[in-house]
Amino acid sequence: GLFANMSDWSRIVRKLVADTSTTEEQKQAAFTDEVFADIRRQVGESEADSYTRAGGLNYSYLGLARYWRKRT
């Protein structure tokens, strides 16, 4: 399932959080693009579109970023 990818998503977020050369908006956009492409590969375009509208990848990024910032 999609949530099996949480460790991959965490890895992406940790890399982005550590990158001091990008803004928070750029980090969020990079996360959303990368995760959306991953979801699309797994479930196809139309299901990926409906998942990302319903699931709010921005919120996934914000939550994971907050979590990993507290760990550093």
C-alpha atoms as a PDB file:
ATOM      1  CA  GLY A   1       0.000   0.000   0.000  1.00  0.00           C
ATOM      2  CA  LEU A   2       0.915   3.620  -0.276  1.00  0.00           C
ATOM      3  CA  PHE A   3       1.676   4.043   3.407  1.00  0.00           C
ATOM      4  CA  ALA A   4       4.364   1.375   3.149  1.00  0.00           C
ATOM      5  CA  ASN A   5       6.304   4.185   1.504  1.00  0.00           C
ATOM      6  CA  MET A   6       6.460   6.264   4.682  1.00  0.00           C
ATOM      7  CA  SER A   7      10.127   5.402   5.185  1.00  0.00           C
ATOM      8  CA  ASP A   8      10.853   6.547   1.624  1.00  0.00           C
ATOM      9  CA  TRP A   9       8.896   9.741   2.240  1.00  0.00           C
ATOM     10  CA  SER A  10      10.815  10.293   5.472  1.00  0.00           C
ATOM     11  CA  ARG A  11      14.108   9.830   3.631  1.00  0.00           C
ATOM     12  CA  ILE A  12      13.057  12.438   1.047  1.00  0.00           C
ATOM     13  CA  VAL A  13      11.984  14.901   3.746  1.00  0.00           C
ATOM     14  CA  ARG A  14      15.175  14.430   5.782  1.00  0.00           C
ATOM     15  CA  LYS A  15      17.251  15.191   2.679  1.00  0.00           C
ATOM     16  CA  LEU A  16      15.168  18.282   1.895  1.00  0.00           C
ATOM     17  CA  VAL A  17      15.180  19.584   5.477  1.00  0.00           C
ATOM     18  CA  ALA A  18      18.973  19.315   5.538  1.00  0.00           C
ATOM     19  CA  ASP A  19      19.317  21.325   2.298  1.00  0.00           C
ATOM     20  CA  THR A  20      19.957  24.893   3.416  1.00  0.00           C
ATOM     21  CA  SER A  21      20.060  26.220  -0.159  1.00  0.00           C
ATOM     22  CA  THR A  22      16.298  25.943  -0.755  1.00  0.00           C
ATOM     23  CA  THR A  23      13.286  27.738   0.649  1.00  0.00           C
ATOM     24  CA  GLU A  24      10.527  25.958   2.538  1.00  0.00           C
ATOM     25  CA  GLU A  25       8.249  26.402  -0.482  1.00  0.00           C
ATOM     26  CA  GLN A  26      10.860  24.784  -2.751  1.00  0.00           C
ATOM     27  CA  LYS A  27      11.278  21.890  -0.319  1.00  0.00           C
ATOM     28  CA  GLN A  28       7.526  21.315  -0.196  1.00  0.00           C
ATOM     29  CA  ALA A  29       7.227  21.466  -4.002  1.00  0.00           C
ATOM     30  CA  ALA A  30      10.130  19.034  -4.450  1.00  0.00           C
ATOM     31  CA  PHE A  31       8.580  16.593  -1.976  1.00  0.00           C
ATOM     32  CA  THR A  32       5.169  16.808  -3.633  1.00  0.00           C
ATOM     33  CA  ASP A  33       6.643  16.270  -7.115  1.00  0.00           C
ATOM     34  CA  GLU A  34       8.754  13.301  -6.066  1.00  0.00           C
ATOM     35  CA  VAL A  35       6.037  11.578  -4.048  1.00  0.00           C
ATOM     36  CA  PHE A  36       3.365  12.198  -6.692  1.00  0.00           C
ATOM     37  CA  ALA A  37       5.607  10.602  -9.333  1.00  0.00           C
ATOM     38  CA  ASP A  38       6.138   7.625  -7.030  1.00  0.00           C
ATOM     39  CA  ILE A  39       2.398   7.233  -6.383  1.00  0.00           C
ATOM     40  CA  ARG A  40       1.667   7.571 -10.105  1.00  0.00           C
ATOM     41  CA  ARG A  41       4.120   4.753 -10.883  1.00  0.00           C
ATOM     42  CA  GLN A  42       2.324   2.525  -8.375  1.00  0.00           C
ATOM     43  CA  VAL A  43      -1.353   3.221  -9.023  1.00  0.00           C
ATOM     44  CA  GLY A  44      -1.640   5.120 -12.308  1.00  0.00           C
ATOM     45  CA  GLU A  45      -2.382   8.726 -13.191  1.00  0.00           C
ATOM     46  CA  SER A  46      -6.086   9.043 -12.356  1.00  0.00           C
ATOM     47  CA  GLU A  47      -5.869   7.282  -8.992  1.00  0.00           C
ATOM     48  CA  ALA A  48      -2.744   9.272  -8.119  1.00  0.00           C
ATOM     49  CA  ASP A  49      -4.596  12.498  -8.915  1.00  0.00           C
ATOM     50  CA  SER A  50      -7.530  11.602  -6.679  1.00  0.00           C
ATOM     51  CA  TYR A  51      -5.222  10.402  -3.883  1.00  0.00           C
ATOM     52  CA  THR A  52      -3.160  13.576  -3.865  1.00  0.00           C
ATOM     53  CA  ARG A  53      -6.258  15.801  -3.899  1.00  0.00           C
ATOM     54  CA  ALA A  54      -7.775  13.862  -1.004  1.00  0.00           C
ATOM     55  CA  GLY A  55      -4.577  13.194   0.932  1.00  0.00           C
ATOM     56  CA  GLY A  56      -2.895  16.556   0.674  1.00  0.00           C
ATOM     57  CA  LEU A  57       0.775  15.788   0.071  1.00  0.00           C
ATOM     58  CA  ASN A  58       1.571  19.271   1.390  1.00  0.00           C
ATOM     59  CA  TYR A  59       0.294  18.204   4.794  1.00  0.00           C
ATOM     60  CA  SER A  60       2.337  15.011   4.611  1.00  0.00           C
ATOM     61  CA  TYR A  61       5.442  17.085   3.952  1.00  0.00           C
ATOM     62  CA  LEU A  62       4.695  19.558   6.728  1.00  0.00           C
ATOM     63  CA  GLY A  63       4.103  16.823   9.283  1.00  0.00           C
ATOM     64  CA  LEU A  64       7.202  14.841   8.359  1.00  0.00           C
ATOM     65  CA  ALA A  65       9.364  17.975   8.223  1.00  0.00           C
ATOM     66  CA  ARG A  66       8.187  19.009  11.692  1.00  0.00           C
ATOM     67  CA  TYR A  67       8.929  15.504  12.996  1.00  0.00           C
ATOM     68  CA  TRP A  68      12.451  15.331  11.547  1.00  0.00           C
ATOM     69  CA  ARG A  69      13.364  18.884  12.599  1.00  0.00           C
ATOM     70  CA  LYS A  70      12.612  17.916  16.197  1.00  0.00           C
ATOM     71  CA  ARG A  71      14.997  14.940  15.847  1.00  0.00           C
ATOM     72  CA  THR A  72      18.007  17.018  14.765  1.00  0.00           C
END
